[in-house]
Amino acid sequence: MNTFLLANTQLFRGIKEDEIAELLHCLVPREGKFQKDEVIFRAGSPVNEIGLIKFGSVNIVVNLYWGNRIIFGHLGKGEVFAENYAAIPGKELVCDVVACESTQVIFLNMRNMLTMCQRGCAFHNRLIQNMLRISAQKNLNMSSRMMHTASRSLRERLLSYFSEQALEHGSPHFTIPFNRQQLAEYLGVNRSAMSNELSKMQEDGFLTYHRNEFTLKETVHYE
């Protein structure tokens, strides 16, 4: 197992490589490889492991009864998924975790992660603290999505999301992790209507874009 790679993730932040190697004996790691659009975890299934993305990226997807779907989040290299469900024995997933591209995942036993070893080592305690921070950040991300989708106006939803992206990137120019269909699913809107609105926003001087690269304009007068 590549302890150098793990040491540079939020989950193992502040833990030395030799300490990580010792922790891995408790966490029962296993690796899996997935192709684009392959389901890693499926809704309706209980899990007892979390997934840590070694390479690639995933979307968190809810498939609705009538056939359409909603993307609740996107996760990339070094991020973890399914931690909230794995922490509750028998809790069934309400969403799919789907590979966005060729993706490698390290699976770790959640019960062993949350159970302090007999020695009560400091680095195991640090691992638990890191997991709590990750969970808190996920909750904040979910709140952000709720904020983006709160408005009934398609333009307001787009402006809310793009404003957040500009803030996160520290620049009015940024690349988003979604293609057009995925962005529409994330914001809960119709793809064709969204594409039309993006064209109008460019005509109105709000932004320019090419594929998933956007640049916000500062001189626009919004009414």
C-alpha atoms as a PDB file:
ATOM      1  CA  MET A   1       0.000   0.000   0.000  1.00  0.00           C
ATOM      2  CA  ASN A   2       1.337   3.462  -0.952  1.00  0.00           C
ATOM      3  CA  THR A   3       1.679   5.167   2.439  1.00  0.00           C
ATOM      4  CA  PHE A   4       3.135   8.308   0.821  1.00  0.00           C
ATOM      5  CA  LEU A   5      -0.065   8.776  -1.177  1.00  0.00           C
ATOM      6  CA  LEU A   6      -2.205   8.173   1.912  1.00  0.00           C
ATOM      7  CA  ALA A   7      -0.179  10.626   3.999  1.00  0.00           C
ATOM      8  CA  ASN A   8      -1.207  13.369   1.554  1.00  0.00           C
ATOM      9  CA  THR A   9      -4.952  12.823   1.984  1.00  0.00           C
ATOM     10  CA  GLN A  10      -7.274  14.583   4.422  1.00  0.00           C
ATOM     11  CA  LEU A  11      -8.101  11.263   6.089  1.00  0.00           C
ATOM     12  CA  PHE A  12      -4.497  10.603   7.110  1.00  0.00           C
ATOM     13  CA  ARG A  13      -3.476  14.231   7.543  1.00  0.00           C
ATOM     14  CA  GLY A  14      -0.864  14.687  10.294  1.00  0.00           C
ATOM     15  CA  ILE A  15      -0.080  10.960  10.517  1.00  0.00           C
ATOM     16  CA  LYS A  16       3.407   9.740   9.588  1.00  0.00           C
ATOM     17  CA  GLU A  17       3.959   7.068   6.979  1.00  0.00           C
ATOM     18  CA  ASP A  18       5.218   4.475   9.486  1.00  0.00           C
ATOM     19  CA  GLU A  19       2.152   5.169  11.644  1.00  0.00           C
ATOM     20  CA  ILE A  20      -0.102   4.774   8.610  1.00  0.00           C
ATOM     21  CA  ALA A  21       1.506   1.418   7.860  1.00  0.00           C
ATOM     22  CA  GLU A  22       0.660   0.322  11.395  1.00  0.00           C
ATOM     23  CA  LEU A  23      -2.902   1.609  11.118  1.00  0.00           C
ATOM     24  CA  LEU A  24      -3.479  -0.316   7.905  1.00  0.00           C
ATOM     25  CA  HIS A  25      -3.195  -3.590   9.807  1.00  0.00           C
ATOM     26  CA  CYS A  26      -6.379  -2.544  11.661  1.00  0.00           C
ATOM     27  CA  LEU A  27      -8.229  -1.011   8.731  1.00  0.00           C
ATOM     28  CA  VAL A  28      -8.129  -4.151   6.529  1.00  0.00           C
ATOM     29  CA  PRO A  29      -7.528  -2.264   3.264  1.00  0.00           C
ATOM     30  CA  ARG A  30      -8.455  -3.619  -0.142  1.00  0.00           C
ATOM     31  CA  GLU A  31      -8.306  -1.988  -3.548  1.00  0.00           C
ATOM     32  CA  GLY A  32     -10.771  -1.919  -6.417  1.00  0.00           C
ATOM     33  CA  LYS A  33     -10.619  -0.644 -10.004  1.00  0.00           C
ATOM     34  CA  PHE A  34     -13.666   0.755 -11.802  1.00  0.00           C
ATOM     35  CA  GLN A  35     -14.382   1.928 -15.324  1.00  0.00           C
ATOM     36  CA  LYS A  36     -16.285   5.099 -16.275  1.00  0.00           C
ATOM     37  CA  ASP A  37     -19.994   4.892 -15.313  1.00  0.00           C
ATOM     38  CA  GLU A  38     -19.450   1.738 -13.245  1.00  0.00           C
ATOM     39  CA  VAL A  39     -21.381   1.660  -9.960  1.00  0.00           C
ATOM     40  CA  ILE A  40     -19.039   1.290  -6.980  1.00  0.00           C
ATOM     41  CA  PHE A  41     -21.714   1.238  -4.262  1.00  0.00           C
ATOM     42  CA  ARG A  42     -25.381   0.761  -5.153  1.00  0.00           C
ATOM     43  CA  ALA A  43     -28.436   2.263  -3.459  1.00  0.00           C
ATOM     44  CA  GLY A  44     -30.269  -0.178  -1.196  1.00  0.00           C
ATOM     45  CA  SER A  45     -27.106  -1.927  -0.053  1.00  0.00           C
ATOM     46  CA  PRO A  46     -25.586  -1.645   3.438  1.00  0.00           C
ATOM     47  CA  VAL A  47     -21.833  -0.952   3.621  1.00  0.00           C
ATOM     48  CA  ASN A  48     -19.224  -1.450   6.316  1.00  0.00           C
ATOM     49  CA  GLU A  49     -16.350   0.176   4.457  1.00  0.00           C
ATOM     50  CA  ILE A  50     -15.539   3.673   3.327  1.00  0.00           C
ATOM     51  CA  GLY A  51     -13.985   4.344  -0.042  1.00  0.00           C
ATOM     52  CA  LEU A  52     -10.886   6.506  -0.439  1.00  0.00           C
ATOM     53  CA  ILE A  53     -10.249   7.580  -4.030  1.00  0.00           C
ATOM     54  CA  LYS A  54      -6.709   6.690  -5.059  1.00  0.00           C
ATOM     55  CA  PHE A  55      -7.077   7.925  -8.645  1.00  0.00           C
ATOM     56  CA  GLY A  56     -10.014   9.231 -10.644  1.00  0.00           C
ATOM     57  CA  SER A  57     -13.315  10.652  -9.405  1.00  0.00           C
ATOM     58  CA  VAL A  58     -16.896   9.710  -8.539  1.00  0.00           C
ATOM     59  CA  ASN A  59     -20.371  11.223  -8.477  1.00  0.00           C
ATOM     60  CA  ILE A  60     -22.938  10.677  -5.724  1.00  0.00           C
ATOM     61  CA  VAL A  61     -26.162   9.967  -7.611  1.00  0.00           C
ATOM     62  CA  VAL A  62     -29.807   9.493  -6.575  1.00  0.00           C
ATOM     63  CA  ASN A  63     -31.941   7.696  -9.163  1.00  0.00           C
ATOM     64  CA  LEU A  64     -35.588   8.688  -8.940  1.00  0.00           C
ATOM     65  CA  TYR A  65     -38.497   6.300  -9.460  1.00  0.00           C
ATOM     66  CA  TRP A  66     -39.513   7.943 -12.759  1.00  0.00           C
ATOM     67  CA  GLY A  67     -36.115   7.444 -14.383  1.00  0.00           C
ATOM     68  CA  ASN A  68     -34.403  10.817 -13.960  1.00  0.00           C
ATOM     69  CA  ARG A  69     -31.578  11.326 -11.491  1.00  0.00           C
ATOM     70  CA  ILE A  70     -29.965  13.951  -9.278  1.00  0.00           C
ATOM     71  CA  ILE A  71     -26.247  14.394  -8.644  1.00  0.00           C
ATOM     72  CA  PHE A  72     -25.637  15.369  -5.040  1.00  0.00           C
ATOM     73  CA  GLY A  73     -21.885  15.675  -5.158  1.00  0.00           C
ATOM     74  CA  HIS A  74     -18.580  15.077  -6.919  1.00  0.00           C
ATOM     75  CA  LEU A  75     -15.460  13.668  -5.241  1.00  0.00           C
ATOM     76  CA  GLY A  76     -11.912  13.433  -6.544  1.00  0.00           C
ATOM     77  CA  LYS A  77      -8.511  11.994  -5.717  1.00  0.00           C
ATOM     78  CA  GLY A  78      -7.836  11.702  -1.986  1.00  0.00           C
ATOM     79  CA  GLU A  79     -11.476  12.172  -0.941  1.00  0.00           C
ATOM     80  CA  VAL A  80     -13.657   9.611   0.821  1.00  0.00           C
ATOM     81  CA  PHE A  81     -17.249   8.439   0.378  1.00  0.00           C
ATOM     82  CA  ALA A  82     -19.924   6.361   2.188  1.00  0.00           C
ATOM     83  CA  GLU A  83     -18.522   7.220   5.627  1.00  0.00           C
ATOM     84  CA  ASN A  84     -21.897   8.212   7.115  1.00  0.00           C
ATOM     85  CA  TYR A  85     -23.538   4.959   6.050  1.00  0.00           C
ATOM     86  CA  ALA A  86     -20.596   2.765   7.047  1.00  0.00           C
ATOM     87  CA  ALA A  87     -20.711   4.303  10.530  1.00  0.00           C
ATOM     88  CA  ILE A  88     -24.261   2.949  11.069  1.00  0.00           C
ATOM     89  CA  PRO A  89     -24.372  -0.873  10.903  1.00  0.00           C
ATOM     90  CA  GLY A  90     -27.020  -2.097   8.477  1.00  0.00           C
ATOM     91  CA  LYS A  91     -27.871   1.373   7.169  1.00  0.00           C
ATOM     92  CA  GLU A  92     -28.756   1.098   3.477  1.00  0.00           C
ATOM     93  CA  LEU A  93     -27.448   3.570   0.931  1.00  0.00           C
ATOM     94  CA  VAL A  94     -30.026   5.865  -0.656  1.00  0.00           C
ATOM     95  CA  CYS A  95     -27.671   6.782  -3.491  1.00  0.00           C
ATOM     96  CA  ASP A  96     -25.280   5.241  -5.997  1.00  0.00           C
ATOM     97  CA  VAL A  97     -21.570   6.001  -6.029  1.00  0.00           C
ATOM     98  CA  VAL A  98     -20.590   6.050  -9.720  1.00  0.00           C
ATOM     99  CA  ALA A  99     -17.124   6.307 -11.286  1.00  0.00           C
ATOM    100  CA  CYS A 100     -16.818   9.385 -13.536  1.00  0.00           C
ATOM    101  CA  GLU A 101     -13.709   7.994 -15.237  1.00  0.00           C
ATOM    102  CA  SER A 102     -11.254   5.149 -14.761  1.00  0.00           C
ATOM    103  CA  THR A 103     -11.025   5.133 -10.964  1.00  0.00           C
ATOM    104  CA  GLN A 104      -9.115   3.266  -8.272  1.00  0.00           C
ATOM    105  CA  VAL A 105     -10.495   3.069  -4.741  1.00  0.00           C
ATOM    106  CA  ILE A 106      -9.016   1.933  -1.435  1.00  0.00           C
ATOM    107  CA  PHE A 107     -11.693   0.450   0.837  1.00  0.00           C
ATOM    108  CA  LEU A 108     -11.174   0.682   4.618  1.00  0.00           C
ATOM    109  CA  ASN A 109     -13.108  -0.980   7.439  1.00  0.00           C
ATOM    110  CA  MET A 110     -15.140   1.724   9.200  1.00  0.00           C
ATOM    111  CA  ARG A 111     -15.811  -0.181  12.428  1.00  0.00           C
ATOM    112  CA  ASN A 112     -12.094  -0.719  12.983  1.00  0.00           C
ATOM    113  CA  MET A 113     -11.453   2.908  12.164  1.00  0.00           C
ATOM    114  CA  LEU A 114     -13.828   4.122  14.870  1.00  0.00           C
ATOM    115  CA  THR A 115     -12.629   1.609  17.466  1.00  0.00           C
ATOM    116  CA  MET A 116      -9.555   2.775  19.348  1.00  0.00           C
ATOM    117  CA  CYS A 117      -6.855   0.136  19.601  1.00  0.00           C
ATOM    118  CA  GLN A 118      -5.925  -1.151  23.066  1.00  0.00           C
ATOM    119  CA  ARG A 119      -2.914   1.110  23.231  1.00  0.00           C
ATOM    120  CA  GLY A 120      -5.032   4.181  22.515  1.00  0.00           C
ATOM    121  CA  CYS A 121      -2.335   5.470  20.155  1.00  0.00           C
ATOM    122  CA  ALA A 122      -2.379   9.168  19.357  1.00  0.00           C
ATOM    123  CA  PHE A 123      -2.310   8.647  15.602  1.00  0.00           C
ATOM    124  CA  HIS A 124      -5.481   6.515  15.714  1.00  0.00           C
ATOM    125  CA  ASN A 125      -7.164   9.329  17.603  1.00  0.00           C
ATOM    126  CA  ARG A 126      -5.953  11.718  14.904  1.00  0.00           C
ATOM    127  CA  LEU A 127      -7.528   9.491  12.259  1.00  0.00           C
ATOM    128  CA  ILE A 128     -10.906   9.736  14.013  1.00  0.00           C
ATOM    129  CA  GLN A 129     -10.550  13.529  14.286  1.00  0.00           C
ATOM    130  CA  ASN A 130      -9.792  13.738  10.569  1.00  0.00           C
ATOM    131  CA  MET A 131     -12.884  11.693   9.789  1.00  0.00           C
ATOM    132  CA  LEU A 132     -15.046  14.048  11.851  1.00  0.00           C
ATOM    133  CA  ARG A 133     -13.653  17.040   9.932  1.00  0.00           C
ATOM    134  CA  ILE A 134     -14.362  15.330   6.620  1.00  0.00           C
ATOM    135  CA  SER A 135     -17.931  14.568   7.678  1.00  0.00           C
ATOM    136  CA  ALA A 136     -18.442  18.174   8.778  1.00  0.00           C
ATOM    137  CA  GLN A 137     -17.161  19.444   5.416  1.00  0.00           C
ATOM    138  CA  LYS A 138     -19.531  17.099   3.593  1.00  0.00           C
ATOM    139  CA  ASN A 139     -22.431  18.591   5.556  1.00  0.00           C
ATOM    140  CA  LEU A 140     -21.309  22.084   4.534  1.00  0.00           C
ATOM    141  CA  ASN A 141     -21.123  20.987   0.902  1.00  0.00           C
ATOM    142  CA  MET A 142     -24.654  19.637   1.111  1.00  0.00           C
ATOM    143  CA  SER A 143     -25.795  22.957   2.569  1.00  0.00           C
ATOM    144  CA  SER A 144     -24.180  24.714  -0.394  1.00  0.00           C
ATOM    145  CA  ARG A 145     -26.117  22.576  -2.843  1.00  0.00           C
ATOM    146  CA  MET A 146     -29.348  23.336  -0.989  1.00  0.00           C
ATOM    147  CA  MET A 147     -28.511  27.035  -1.313  1.00  0.00           C
ATOM    148  CA  HIS A 148     -27.916  26.697  -5.073  1.00  0.00           C
ATOM    149  CA  THR A 149     -31.214  24.890  -5.650  1.00  0.00           C
ATOM    150  CA  ALA A 150     -33.318  27.053  -3.301  1.00  0.00           C
ATOM    151  CA  SER A 151     -34.206  29.541  -6.023  1.00  0.00           C
ATOM    152  CA  ARG A 152     -36.937  28.744  -8.546  1.00  0.00           C
ATOM    153  CA  SER A 153     -35.038  30.762 -11.158  1.00  0.00           C
ATOM    154  CA  LEU A 154     -32.645  28.784 -13.348  1.00  0.00           C
ATOM    155  CA  ARG A 155     -30.361  31.805 -13.710  1.00  0.00           C
ATOM    156  CA  GLU A 156     -30.207  32.311  -9.953  1.00  0.00           C
ATOM    157  CA  ARG A 157     -29.204  28.671  -9.478  1.00  0.00           C
ATOM    158  CA  LEU A 158     -26.402  29.030 -12.012  1.00  0.00           C
ATOM    159  CA  LEU A 159     -25.220  32.322 -10.538  1.00  0.00           C
ATOM    160  CA  SER A 160     -25.177  30.850  -7.049  1.00  0.00           C
ATOM    161  CA  TYR A 161     -23.118  27.849  -8.135  1.00  0.00           C
ATOM    162  CA  PHE A 162     -20.685  29.871 -10.260  1.00  0.00           C
ATOM    163  CA  SER A 163     -20.193  32.421  -7.477  1.00  0.00           C
ATOM    164  CA  GLU A 164     -19.230  29.615  -5.098  1.00  0.00           C
ATOM    165  CA  GLN A 165     -16.807  28.155  -7.652  1.00  0.00           C
ATOM    166  CA  ALA A 166     -15.130  31.525  -8.194  1.00  0.00           C
ATOM    167  CA  LEU A 167     -14.754  31.943  -4.436  1.00  0.00           C
ATOM    168  CA  GLU A 168     -13.300  28.446  -4.000  1.00  0.00           C
ATOM    169  CA  HIS A 169     -10.825  28.912  -6.854  1.00  0.00           C
ATOM    170  CA  GLY A 170      -9.908  32.455  -5.801  1.00  0.00           C
ATOM    171  CA  SER A 171     -10.419  33.570  -9.396  1.00  0.00           C
ATOM    172  CA  PRO A 172     -13.259  34.494 -11.776  1.00  0.00           C
ATOM    173  CA  HIS A 173     -11.827  31.865 -14.141  1.00  0.00           C
ATOM    174  CA  PHE A 174     -12.390  28.258 -13.119  1.00  0.00           C
ATOM    175  CA  THR A 175     -13.107  24.736 -14.346  1.00  0.00           C
ATOM    176  CA  ILE A 176     -16.072  22.853 -12.916  1.00  0.00           C
ATOM    177  CA  PRO A 177     -16.056  19.047 -12.379  1.00  0.00           C
ATOM    178  CA  PHE A 178     -19.315  18.496 -14.296  1.00  0.00           C
ATOM    179  CA  ASN A 179     -20.264  18.216 -17.944  1.00  0.00           C
ATOM    180  CA  ARG A 180     -23.547  19.836 -19.092  1.00  0.00           C
ATOM    181  CA  GLN A 181     -25.770  16.881 -18.207  1.00  0.00           C
ATOM    182  CA  GLN A 182     -24.133  16.423 -14.809  1.00  0.00           C
ATOM    183  CA  LEU A 183     -24.406  20.137 -13.995  1.00  0.00           C
ATOM    184  CA  ALA A 184     -28.105  20.060 -14.875  1.00  0.00           C
ATOM    185  CA  GLU A 185     -28.597  17.036 -12.623  1.00  0.00           C
ATOM    186  CA  TYR A 186     -26.654  18.687  -9.794  1.00  0.00           C
ATOM    187  CA  LEU A 187     -28.779  21.847  -9.971  1.00  0.00           C
ATOM    188  CA  GLY A 188     -32.015  19.930 -10.546  1.00  0.00           C
ATOM    189  CA  VAL A 189     -32.868  21.575 -13.873  1.00  0.00           C
ATOM    190  CA  ASN A 190     -33.552  20.584 -17.478  1.00  0.00           C
ATOM    191  CA  ARG A 191     -30.371  20.325 -19.554  1.00  0.00           C
ATOM    192  CA  SER A 192     -31.768  22.036 -22.664  1.00  0.00           C
ATOM    193  CA  ALA A 193     -33.225  24.889 -20.631  1.00  0.00           C
ATOM    194  CA  MET A 194     -29.928  25.281 -18.781  1.00  0.00           C
ATOM    195  CA  SER A 195     -27.914  25.354 -22.018  1.00  0.00           C
ATOM    196  CA  ASN A 196     -30.227  28.051 -23.386  1.00  0.00           C
ATOM    197  CA  GLU A 197     -29.885  30.055 -20.186  1.00  0.00           C
ATOM    198  CA  LEU A 198     -26.074  29.800 -20.298  1.00  0.00           C
ATOM    199  CA  SER A 199     -26.136  31.210 -23.843  1.00  0.00           C
ATOM    200  CA  LYS A 200     -28.346  34.094 -22.685  1.00  0.00           C
ATOM    201  CA  MET A 201     -26.065  34.758 -19.711  1.00  0.00           C
ATOM    202  CA  GLN A 202     -23.098  34.961 -22.059  1.00  0.00           C
ATOM    203  CA  GLU A 203     -25.005  37.330 -24.361  1.00  0.00           C
ATOM    204  CA  ASP A 204     -25.965  39.463 -21.351  1.00  0.00           C
ATOM    205  CA  GLY A 205     -22.307  39.735 -20.301  1.00  0.00           C
ATOM    206  CA  PHE A 206     -22.405  37.649 -17.127  1.00  0.00           C
ATOM    207  CA  LEU A 207     -19.778  35.185 -18.242  1.00  0.00           C
ATOM    208  CA  THR A 208     -17.944  33.440 -21.036  1.00  0.00           C
ATOM    209  CA  TYR A 209     -17.462  29.702 -21.237  1.00  0.00           C
ATOM    210  CA  HIS A 210     -16.036  26.842 -23.255  1.00  0.00           C
ATOM    211  CA  ARG A 211     -17.140  23.344 -22.285  1.00  0.00           C
ATOM    212  CA  ASN A 212     -16.617  23.212 -18.492  1.00  0.00           C
ATOM    213  CA  GLU A 213     -14.339  26.281 -18.268  1.00  0.00           C
ATOM    214  CA  PHE A 214     -16.012  29.525 -17.145  1.00  0.00           C
ATOM    215  CA  THR A 215     -14.956  33.132 -16.679  1.00  0.00           C
ATOM    216  CA  LEU A 216     -17.228  35.487 -14.742  1.00  0.00           C
ATOM    217  CA  LYS A 217     -17.407  39.129 -15.800  1.00  0.00           C
ATOM    218  CA  GLU A 218     -17.161  41.859 -13.160  1.00  0.00           C
ATOM    219  CA  THR A 219     -18.766  44.718 -15.093  1.00  0.00           C
ATOM    220  CA  VAL A 220     -22.226  43.246 -15.562  1.00  0.00           C
ATOM    221  CA  HIS A 221     -25.228  45.139 -14.180  1.00  0.00           C
ATOM    222  CA  TYR A 222     -27.645  42.548 -12.811  1.00  0.00           C
ATOM    223  CA  GLU A 223     -31.330  43.450 -12.694  1.00  0.00           C
END
